[in-house]
Amino acid sequence: MSENEKTPAEMRILTAEPEQARYIRKKSSAKSAFISIAALAVAAAYQLPPEKLKTVTDTLQCSVSAVSMMSAKLDTLSGSELTAFFGRAFPVRNTNESSETAYTNIDLVKMRENDILMLSEGSRRMPSSANEEAFSADFLPPPEADDSTSYPESFSTDRKVTAICYESGQGENYIDLTKGGQIRNVTLLTSEEIRSEVSELPDFRIKLNAPENEPQILIMHTHTTESYQSAADVGADPVCRTTDSKKNMTAVGNAMADVFEKEGIRVIHDTTVHDHPSYNGSYDRSRETVSAILEKYPSIKIVLDVHRDAIERESGDIIAPTAVINGKSCAQVMIISGCDDGTMDMPDFRQNLRTAALFQQYMEMSFKGLTRPVLFDYRSYNQDMTHGSLLIEVGGHGNTLDEAVYAGELAAKGISEAIKSELSAEE
């Protein structure tokens, strides 16, 4: 999703101690001042126009970070040797090792109303209810590239990343579901109306072990290039996008598709890149893709638009929604189900909500802590195209790729269980 790319003058460093991992801040004002002065000097020497100053500054920032952080080594801290990688220090280990040790102490918090979710139209603080006006602002315009080259890796090293496990929310707009999980209602529909609606199943059924030419689920990505941190990659940027399909949303979609196929649910995973070279118009392009696939395969009942979220505090600190499941660090998952306010041409949005509630319950029942509450809000996201059209946020830009892939696997397992238990067309 669109991100807030403000960069406070702080560096984030993860320090490891016995049975504990914690984040500390390191002021970098002196370095920032040096870089600013150097950038002005370079611009003056080469008589560069003012609009080129930011490019020079960013280049110097990247170079200084690369040199300083690659050479930095934290020798021994409470018996654990650490090596610093661009502001984040990880225990020295085989790079093929999973990220399950990335966080050994995760804060458990209630859902905060002032968390800023980086949704498609820009960042916004979600309101407590539909009666409250949401904080909404685009801090920077959406990323826009001029050609088809890969997104550059930007080295944003001076923001703090905190792993947080979101627990159930409290308040009248949080609706508990029977088997587990919640819906976060920010519409004018009452809790009673929503409870009544989600007590019913959606009006479609899924054919298990269908022929290859009768897929039941479509996985696709409107923002295909959204990506994550990676503990193994030096210089991984917590807010980056990449066209590398092994590191962006395609990797998560592949993991989900593999699970569905193993569970006997035919799936198509479309890997079309809709947000590069141009980010603007992504949803228009993804709609064309989905429309063509649905026309070719009318057997498809469920469309999952898989993204990653981006959660920040107003300070600019990055939040990684994280749970520990089966002893392994896992990104938390959030379903977004849109509501029609009369202007979105989604007359059947309640069917999507039923689908969202069903999947939410089985994901949370199967893997406690995996989900954040379903976001039920006045949003479209092309969810008029089937009665099982949902947007799924797998983690955020603070999570690692390993955490996101694991979350995708668990989410698909939970959804598969929901389908086999409640939506199977087989007698």
Protein backbone atom coordinates (compact mmCIF):
# COMPACT_ATOMS: atom_id res chain seq x y z
CA MET A 1 0.00 0.00 0.00
CA SER A 2 1.01 3.64 -0.31
CA GLU A 3 3.54 4.50 2.37
CA ASN A 4 4.53 7.40 4.56
CA GLU A 5 8.20 7.85 3.74
CA LYS A 6 9.07 10.45 6.34
CA THR A 7 12.47 9.70 7.86
CA PRO A 8 13.06 10.96 11.43
CA ALA A 9 16.70 11.42 12.41
CA GLU A 10 16.98 8.18 14.33
CA MET A 11 18.49 4.83 13.46
CA ARG A 12 16.88 1.57 14.45
CA ILE A 13 19.08 -1.16 15.87
CA LEU A 14 17.93 -4.53 17.12
CA THR A 15 20.00 -5.71 20.04
CA ALA A 16 19.97 -9.30 21.19
CA GLU A 17 20.18 -10.37 24.82
CA PRO A 18 19.45 -13.74 26.47
CA GLU A 19 15.71 -14.50 25.97
CA GLN A 20 15.08 -10.95 24.81
CA ALA A 21 15.24 -8.73 21.74
CA ARG A 22 14.67 -5.02 22.03
CA TYR A 23 14.97 -1.97 19.83
CA ILE A 24 17.05 1.03 20.81
CA ARG A 25 17.40 4.38 19.14
CA LYS A 26 20.59 5.96 17.97
CA LYS A 27 20.59 9.63 17.17
CA SER A 28 22.00 10.43 13.77
CA SER A 29 21.63 14.20 13.71
CA ALA A 30 25.38 14.75 13.31
CA LYS A 31 25.55 12.44 10.33
CA SER A 32 22.46 14.06 8.79
CA ALA A 33 24.00 17.51 9.18
CA PHE A 34 27.24 16.33 7.57
CA ILE A 35 25.37 14.81 4.64
CA SER A 36 23.30 17.97 4.14
CA ILE A 37 26.42 20.17 4.07
CA ALA A 38 28.20 17.78 1.72
CA ALA A 39 25.19 17.70 -0.61
CA LEU A 40 25.12 21.50 -0.78
CA ALA A 41 28.83 21.53 -1.58
CA VAL A 42 28.45 18.99 -4.38
CA ALA A 43 25.47 20.84 -5.84
CA ALA A 44 27.38 24.12 -5.79
CA ALA A 45 30.52 22.60 -7.31
CA TYR A 46 28.61 21.12 -10.23
CA GLN A 47 26.15 24.03 -10.51
CA LEU A 48 23.20 21.69 -10.14
CA PRO A 49 19.66 23.08 -10.14
CA PRO A 50 17.85 23.13 -6.75
CA GLU A 51 15.55 20.24 -7.69
CA LYS A 52 18.60 17.94 -7.94
CA LEU A 53 19.64 18.57 -4.33
CA LYS A 54 17.44 15.81 -2.91
CA THR A 55 18.92 13.28 -5.36
CA VAL A 56 22.44 14.20 -4.25
CA THR A 57 21.43 13.99 -0.58
CA ASP A 58 19.85 10.58 -1.03
CA THR A 59 22.91 9.28 -2.88
CA LEU A 60 25.25 10.48 -0.14
CA GLN A 61 22.96 9.04 2.55
CA CYS A 62 23.04 5.66 0.83
CA SER A 63 26.83 5.73 0.43
CA VAL A 64 27.54 6.78 4.01
CA SER A 65 25.16 4.17 5.38
CA ALA A 66 26.68 1.45 3.25
CA VAL A 67 30.23 2.21 4.33
CA SER A 68 29.52 2.78 8.00
CA MET A 69 27.09 -0.04 8.61
CA MET A 70 28.92 -2.66 6.58
CA SER A 71 32.04 -2.01 8.62
CA ALA A 72 30.24 -1.86 11.92
CA LYS A 73 30.47 -4.93 14.07
CA LEU A 74 29.12 -5.40 17.52
CA ASP A 75 31.50 -7.83 19.16
CA THR A 76 29.86 -9.56 22.07
CA LEU A 77 26.67 -8.60 23.86
CA SER A 78 25.64 -10.92 26.69
CA GLY A 79 27.31 -13.81 24.94
CA SER A 80 25.72 -13.24 21.50
CA GLU A 81 27.86 -12.02 18.62
CA LEU A 82 26.04 -9.49 16.47
CA THR A 83 26.77 -7.97 13.09
CA ALA A 84 25.11 -4.69 12.05
CA PHE A 85 23.38 -4.57 8.68
CA PHE A 86 22.28 -1.05 7.77
CA GLY A 87 20.99 -0.14 11.18
CA ARG A 88 19.60 -3.50 12.20
CA ALA A 89 21.75 -6.02 14.05
CA PHE A 90 20.99 -9.70 13.84
CA PRO A 91 22.54 -12.68 15.62
CA VAL A 92 25.16 -14.17 13.33
CA ARG A 93 23.65 -17.28 11.77
CA ASN A 94 23.29 -19.20 8.55
CA THR A 95 21.44 -16.95 6.11
CA ASN A 96 19.27 -19.89 5.10
CA GLU A 97 17.94 -20.16 8.64
CA SER A 98 14.34 -19.13 9.10
CA SER A 99 13.42 -15.83 10.76
CA GLU A 100 11.78 -17.53 13.73
CA THR A 101 14.45 -16.07 16.04
CA ALA A 102 14.11 -12.55 14.65
CA TYR A 103 11.83 -11.52 17.49
CA THR A 104 11.99 -13.21 20.88
CA ASN A 105 9.97 -10.61 22.73
CA ILE A 106 6.88 -9.19 21.06
CA ASP A 107 4.67 -6.58 22.70
CA LEU A 108 1.02 -7.58 22.98
CA VAL A 109 -1.18 -4.54 22.49
CA LYS A 110 -4.80 -3.71 21.92
CA MET A 111 -5.71 -2.23 18.56
CA ARG A 112 -4.74 1.45 18.60
CA GLU A 113 -7.07 3.87 16.89
CA ASN A 114 -4.20 6.22 16.07
CA ASP A 115 -2.20 3.65 14.16
CA ILE A 116 -1.78 4.94 10.63
CA LEU A 117 -2.66 2.37 7.99
CA MET A 118 -1.11 3.05 4.61
CA LEU A 119 -4.14 2.27 2.50
CA SER A 120 -4.34 2.75 -1.23
CA GLU A 121 -5.43 6.37 -1.32
CA GLY A 122 -2.72 7.40 1.14
CA SER A 123 -2.14 7.14 4.83
CA ARG A 124 -5.01 7.47 7.25
CA ARG A 125 -5.69 6.92 10.91
CA MET A 126 -8.66 4.61 11.08
CA PRO A 127 -11.63 6.18 12.87
CA SER A 128 -13.23 4.63 15.92
CA SER A 129 -16.53 4.58 14.06
CA ALA A 130 -18.18 5.96 10.95
CA ASN A 131 -19.21 9.01 12.98
CA GLU A 132 -15.62 10.06 13.48
CA GLU A 133 -13.68 11.74 10.70
CA ALA A 134 -10.49 9.84 9.90
CA PHE A 135 -7.11 11.50 9.76
CA SER A 136 -6.17 11.33 6.11
CA ALA A 137 -3.16 12.71 4.33
CA ASP A 138 -0.81 11.77 1.54
CA PHE A 139 2.62 12.44 3.00
CA LEU A 140 4.24 11.89 -0.36
CA PRO A 141 2.71 11.17 -3.76
CA PRO A 142 2.56 7.49 -4.71
CA PRO A 143 5.82 6.14 -6.13
CA GLU A 144 5.92 6.80 -9.84
CA ALA A 145 8.61 5.42 -12.10
CA ASP A 146 9.39 6.77 -15.56
CA ASP A 147 10.48 3.51 -17.19
CA SER A 148 10.32 -0.24 -16.83
CA THR A 149 13.55 -0.69 -14.89
CA SER A 150 13.46 -2.29 -11.45
CA TYR A 151 12.74 -0.10 -8.47
CA PRO A 152 15.98 1.13 -6.93
CA GLU A 153 16.81 -0.08 -3.44
CA SER A 154 16.65 2.97 -1.17
CA PHE A 155 18.44 2.68 2.16
CA SER A 156 16.14 4.20 4.76
CA THR A 157 18.10 3.47 7.91
CA ASP A 158 16.94 6.05 10.40
CA ARG A 159 13.53 4.80 11.51
CA LYS A 160 12.67 2.50 14.37
CA VAL A 161 10.93 -0.81 13.69
CA THR A 162 8.92 -2.43 16.47
CA ALA A 163 7.33 -5.89 16.38
CA ILE A 164 3.83 -5.80 17.85
CA CYS A 165 1.22 -8.52 18.13
CA TYR A 166 -2.21 -6.97 17.77
CA GLU A 167 -4.73 -8.56 20.08
CA SER A 168 -8.50 -8.23 19.96
CA GLY A 169 -9.88 -4.70 19.89
CA GLN A 170 -12.27 -3.30 22.46
CA GLY A 171 -15.25 -1.03 21.93
CA GLU A 172 -18.62 -1.07 20.23
CA ASN A 173 -17.14 -1.12 16.74
CA TYR A 174 -15.30 -4.40 17.38
CA ILE A 175 -17.55 -7.38 16.69
CA ASP A 176 -16.56 -10.78 18.07
CA LEU A 177 -17.11 -13.69 15.71
CA THR A 178 -18.45 -17.01 16.94
CA LYS A 179 -15.46 -19.23 16.20
CA GLY A 180 -12.77 -16.61 16.75
CA GLY A 181 -11.49 -13.32 15.41
CA GLN A 182 -13.21 -9.97 15.04
CA ILE A 183 -14.63 -7.48 12.57
CA ARG A 184 -13.67 -3.84 12.96
CA ASN A 185 -16.72 -1.91 11.79
CA VAL A 186 -16.17 1.66 10.62
CA THR A 187 -19.40 1.89 8.64
CA LEU A 188 -22.86 3.12 9.57
CA LEU A 189 -24.20 -0.42 9.69
CA THR A 190 -24.97 -1.43 13.26
CA SER A 191 -23.21 -4.24 15.06
CA GLU A 192 -26.51 -6.10 15.17
CA GLU A 193 -26.91 -5.86 11.39
CA ILE A 194 -23.39 -7.16 10.85
CA ARG A 195 -23.78 -10.03 13.32
CA SER A 196 -26.95 -11.08 11.58
CA GLU A 197 -25.33 -10.86 8.16
CA VAL A 198 -22.23 -12.90 9.00
CA SER A 199 -24.30 -15.61 10.66
CA GLU A 200 -25.10 -16.68 7.09
CA LEU A 201 -22.75 -18.28 4.59
CA PRO A 202 -21.98 -16.66 1.22
CA ASP A 203 -24.12 -17.88 -1.67
CA PHE A 204 -21.42 -19.79 -3.59
CA ARG A 205 -19.87 -23.23 -3.16
CA ILE A 206 -16.40 -24.50 -3.98
CA LYS A 207 -15.82 -27.67 -5.99
CA LEU A 208 -13.02 -29.68 -4.40
CA ASN A 209 -10.57 -31.60 -6.59
CA ALA A 210 -12.00 -29.86 -9.64
CA PRO A 211 -10.53 -30.45 -13.10
CA GLU A 212 -7.52 -28.34 -14.00
CA ASN A 213 -9.62 -26.16 -16.28
CA GLU A 214 -12.05 -25.32 -13.46
CA PRO A 215 -10.10 -23.19 -10.98
CA GLN A 216 -12.05 -22.07 -7.93
CA ILE A 217 -9.76 -19.35 -6.52
CA LEU A 218 -7.83 -16.53 -8.17
CA ILE A 219 -4.86 -15.04 -6.32
CA MET A 220 -3.56 -11.78 -7.78
CA HIS A 221 -1.80 -8.60 -6.69
CA THR A 222 -2.82 -5.05 -7.50
CA HIS A 223 0.41 -3.83 -5.88
CA THR A 224 2.68 -6.65 -6.97
CA THR A 225 5.95 -4.90 -6.14
CA GLU A 226 5.21 -4.39 -2.45
CA SER A 227 7.94 -6.13 -0.48
CA TYR A 228 9.41 -6.72 2.94
CA GLN A 229 12.56 -6.59 4.98
CA SER A 230 14.94 -9.50 4.73
CA ALA A 231 17.32 -10.44 7.53
CA ALA A 232 19.56 -12.19 5.03
CA ASP A 233 19.91 -9.31 2.58
CA VAL A 234 22.33 -6.55 3.51
CA GLY A 235 20.68 -3.19 3.03
CA ALA A 236 17.12 -4.41 2.86
CA ASP A 237 14.84 -1.39 3.02
CA PRO A 238 11.78 -1.66 5.27
CA VAL A 239 9.71 0.49 2.92
CA CYS A 240 10.97 -0.80 -0.42
CA ARG A 241 9.23 -2.12 -3.46
CA THR A 242 10.89 -4.49 -5.84
CA THR A 243 10.21 -6.10 -9.19
CA ASP A 244 12.05 -9.22 -8.01
CA SER A 245 9.27 -11.82 -7.87
CA LYS A 246 11.21 -13.83 -5.29
CA LYS A 247 10.99 -10.93 -2.84
CA ASN A 248 7.69 -9.18 -3.54
CA MET A 249 4.03 -10.19 -3.17
CA THR A 250 4.44 -12.90 -5.79
CA ALA A 251 6.43 -14.96 -3.27
CA VAL A 252 3.58 -14.78 -0.76
CA GLY A 253 1.01 -15.63 -3.43
CA ASN A 254 3.07 -18.64 -4.51
CA ALA A 255 3.11 -19.94 -0.94
CA MET A 256 -0.66 -19.57 -0.67
CA ALA A 257 -1.29 -21.20 -4.04
CA ASP A 258 0.84 -24.22 -3.10
CA VAL A 259 -1.26 -24.76 0.03
CA PHE A 260 -4.57 -24.51 -1.84
CA GLU A 261 -3.44 -27.03 -4.45
CA LYS A 262 -2.29 -29.47 -1.75
CA GLU A 263 -5.72 -29.11 -0.13
CA GLY A 264 -7.47 -30.04 -3.37
CA ILE A 265 -8.61 -26.50 -4.23
CA ARG A 266 -7.81 -25.47 -7.79
CA VAL A 267 -6.20 -22.05 -7.96
CA ILE A 268 -4.78 -19.61 -10.48
CA HIS A 269 -2.03 -17.33 -9.25
CA ASP A 270 -1.73 -14.39 -11.61
CA THR A 271 1.62 -12.61 -11.23
CA THR A 272 0.97 -9.66 -13.53
CA VAL A 273 2.72 -6.52 -12.27
CA HIS A 274 0.10 -3.78 -12.08
CA ASP A 275 1.99 -1.08 -10.16
CA HIS A 276 5.14 -0.68 -12.25
CA PRO A 277 6.32 1.26 -14.14
CA SER A 278 3.30 3.35 -13.09
CA TYR A 279 1.79 3.07 -9.60
CA ASN A 280 -1.16 5.31 -10.42
CA GLY A 281 -3.96 3.39 -12.05
CA SER A 282 -2.97 0.07 -10.48
CA TYR A 283 -6.55 -0.85 -9.59
CA ASP A 284 -7.78 -0.06 -13.10
CA ARG A 285 -5.15 -2.37 -14.56
CA SER A 286 -5.76 -5.15 -12.06
CA ARG A 287 -9.49 -4.93 -12.78
CA GLU A 288 -8.77 -5.59 -16.45
CA THR A 289 -6.65 -8.60 -15.50
CA VAL A 290 -9.28 -10.07 -13.19
CA SER A 291 -12.08 -9.44 -15.68
CA ALA A 292 -10.23 -11.33 -18.42
CA ILE A 293 -9.48 -14.28 -16.12
CA LEU A 294 -13.07 -14.48 -14.88
CA GLU A 295 -14.32 -14.46 -18.45
CA LYS A 296 -12.00 -17.34 -19.32
CA TYR A 297 -12.67 -19.25 -16.09
CA PRO A 298 -16.24 -18.62 -14.89
CA SER A 299 -15.69 -21.40 -12.34
CA ILE A 300 -13.75 -18.96 -10.12
CA LYS A 301 -15.73 -18.02 -7.01
CA ILE A 302 -13.06 -16.34 -4.87
CA VAL A 303 -10.64 -13.54 -5.79
CA LEU A 304 -7.91 -12.75 -3.26
CA ASP A 305 -5.98 -9.53 -3.89
CA VAL A 306 -2.91 -10.13 -1.72
CA HIS A 307 -0.95 -7.10 -0.48
CA ARG A 308 1.22 -6.15 2.43
CA ASP A 309 0.20 -3.35 4.76
CA ALA A 310 2.32 -0.50 6.09
CA ILE A 311 1.68 0.62 9.66
CA GLU A 312 3.35 3.60 11.28
CA ARG A 313 3.04 5.82 14.29
CA GLU A 314 2.69 9.54 13.77
CA SER A 315 6.34 9.73 14.86
CA GLY A 316 7.28 7.75 11.77
CA ASP A 317 8.15 4.59 13.69
CA ILE A 318 7.39 1.45 11.69
CA ILE A 319 5.23 -1.29 13.18
CA ALA A 320 5.67 -4.95 12.21
CA PRO A 321 2.44 -6.81 13.08
CA THR A 322 3.90 -10.07 14.33
CA ALA A 323 2.75 -13.18 16.17
CA VAL A 324 4.59 -16.30 17.26
CA ILE A 325 2.82 -19.42 15.97
CA ASN A 326 4.18 -22.90 16.54
CA GLY A 327 7.32 -21.27 17.93
CA LYS A 328 7.95 -19.35 14.73
CA SER A 329 7.75 -15.63 14.01
CA CYS A 330 4.81 -14.89 11.71
CA ALA A 331 3.35 -11.75 10.15
CA GLN A 332 -0.23 -11.02 11.15
CA VAL A 333 -2.92 -10.99 8.46
CA MET A 334 -5.78 -8.53 7.93
CA ILE A 335 -8.73 -8.96 5.57
CA ILE A 336 -10.33 -5.81 4.13
CA SER A 337 -13.97 -6.13 3.09
CA GLY A 338 -15.50 -3.09 1.44
CA CYS A 339 -18.90 -1.59 2.19
CA ASP A 340 -20.94 0.34 -0.37
CA ASP A 341 -22.12 3.79 0.70
CA GLY A 342 -24.34 4.01 -2.37
CA THR A 343 -21.64 5.37 -4.67
CA MET A 344 -19.41 2.33 -5.25
CA ASP A 345 -21.60 0.05 -7.36
CA MET A 346 -21.19 -2.88 -4.96
CA PRO A 347 -24.78 -3.98 -4.29
CA ASP A 348 -23.64 -7.43 -3.13
CA PHE A 349 -20.95 -6.30 -0.68
CA ARG A 350 -22.65 -8.29 2.09
CA GLN A 351 -21.68 -11.52 0.34
CA ASN A 352 -18.03 -10.50 0.52
CA LEU A 353 -18.45 -9.66 4.19
CA ARG A 354 -19.87 -13.12 4.85
CA THR A 355 -16.87 -14.63 3.08
CA ALA A 356 -14.46 -12.45 5.06
CA ALA A 357 -16.07 -13.38 8.37
CA LEU A 358 -15.96 -17.09 7.55
CA PHE A 359 -12.30 -17.02 6.54
CA GLN A 360 -11.42 -14.87 9.55
CA GLN A 361 -12.97 -17.34 11.97
CA TYR A 362 -11.19 -20.37 10.57
CA MET A 363 -7.82 -18.63 10.31
CA GLU A 364 -8.01 -17.47 13.91
CA MET A 365 -9.48 -20.74 15.17
CA SER A 366 -6.70 -22.71 13.45
CA PHE A 367 -3.83 -20.36 14.30
CA LYS A 368 -4.55 -18.13 17.28
CA GLY A 369 -3.01 -14.69 16.88
CA LEU A 370 -2.63 -14.92 13.09
CA THR A 371 -5.27 -12.31 12.31
CA ARG A 372 -5.94 -8.68 12.95
CA PRO A 373 -9.65 -7.77 12.91
CA VAL A 374 -11.33 -7.71 9.51
CA LEU A 375 -11.49 -4.08 8.37
CA PHE A 376 -15.05 -3.34 7.20
CA ASP A 377 -14.94 0.11 5.68
CA TYR A 378 -16.27 2.18 2.78
CA ARG A 379 -13.79 0.95 0.18
CA SER A 380 -14.11 -0.69 -3.21
CA TYR A 381 -10.87 -2.39 -4.31
CA ASN A 382 -12.71 -4.03 -7.25
CA GLN A 383 -14.73 -6.13 -4.82
CA ASP A 384 -17.82 -6.03 -7.02
CA MET A 385 -16.45 -8.71 -9.34
CA THR A 386 -17.37 -11.84 -7.33
CA HIS A 387 -19.11 -12.66 -4.05
CA GLY A 388 -15.78 -13.78 -2.66
CA SER A 389 -13.62 -10.79 -3.56
CA LEU A 390 -11.36 -9.77 -0.68
CA LEU A 391 -8.19 -7.82 -0.11
CA ILE A 392 -5.74 -9.53 2.24
CA GLU A 393 -2.90 -7.64 3.90
CA VAL A 394 -0.12 -10.09 4.80
CA GLY A 395 2.05 -8.36 7.38
CA GLY A 396 3.51 -4.94 6.79
CA HIS A 397 6.64 -3.22 5.53
CA GLY A 398 8.28 -3.87 8.90
CA ASN A 399 8.01 -7.65 8.60
CA THR A 400 10.53 -9.95 6.98
CA LEU A 401 9.80 -11.92 3.84
CA ASP A 402 10.07 -15.19 5.78
CA GLU A 403 7.42 -14.00 8.23
CA ALA A 404 5.12 -13.01 5.37
CA VAL A 405 5.53 -16.28 3.46
CA TYR A 406 4.81 -18.24 6.64
CA ALA A 407 1.72 -16.09 7.25
CA GLY A 408 0.55 -16.71 3.70
CA GLU A 409 0.86 -20.45 4.20
CA LEU A 410 -1.11 -20.37 7.46
CA ALA A 411 -3.77 -18.07 6.02
CA ALA A 412 -4.27 -20.43 3.07
CA LYS A 413 -4.53 -23.40 5.44
CA GLY A 414 -7.18 -21.61 7.49
CA ILE A 415 -9.13 -20.59 4.38
CA SER A 416 -8.88 -24.13 3.03
CA GLU A 417 -10.35 -25.48 6.25
CA ALA A 418 -13.21 -22.97 6.01
CA ILE A 419 -13.93 -24.02 2.44
CA LYS A 420 -13.83 -27.74 3.14
CA SER A 421 -15.91 -27.42 6.30
CA GLU A 422 -18.52 -24.88 5.17
CA LEU A 423 -18.42 -24.22 1.42
CA SER A 424 -17.70 -27.56 -0.21
CA ALA A 425 -19.95 -28.40 -3.15
CA GLU A 426 -19.35 -32.09 -2.55
CA GLU A 427 -22.02 -34.02 -0.68
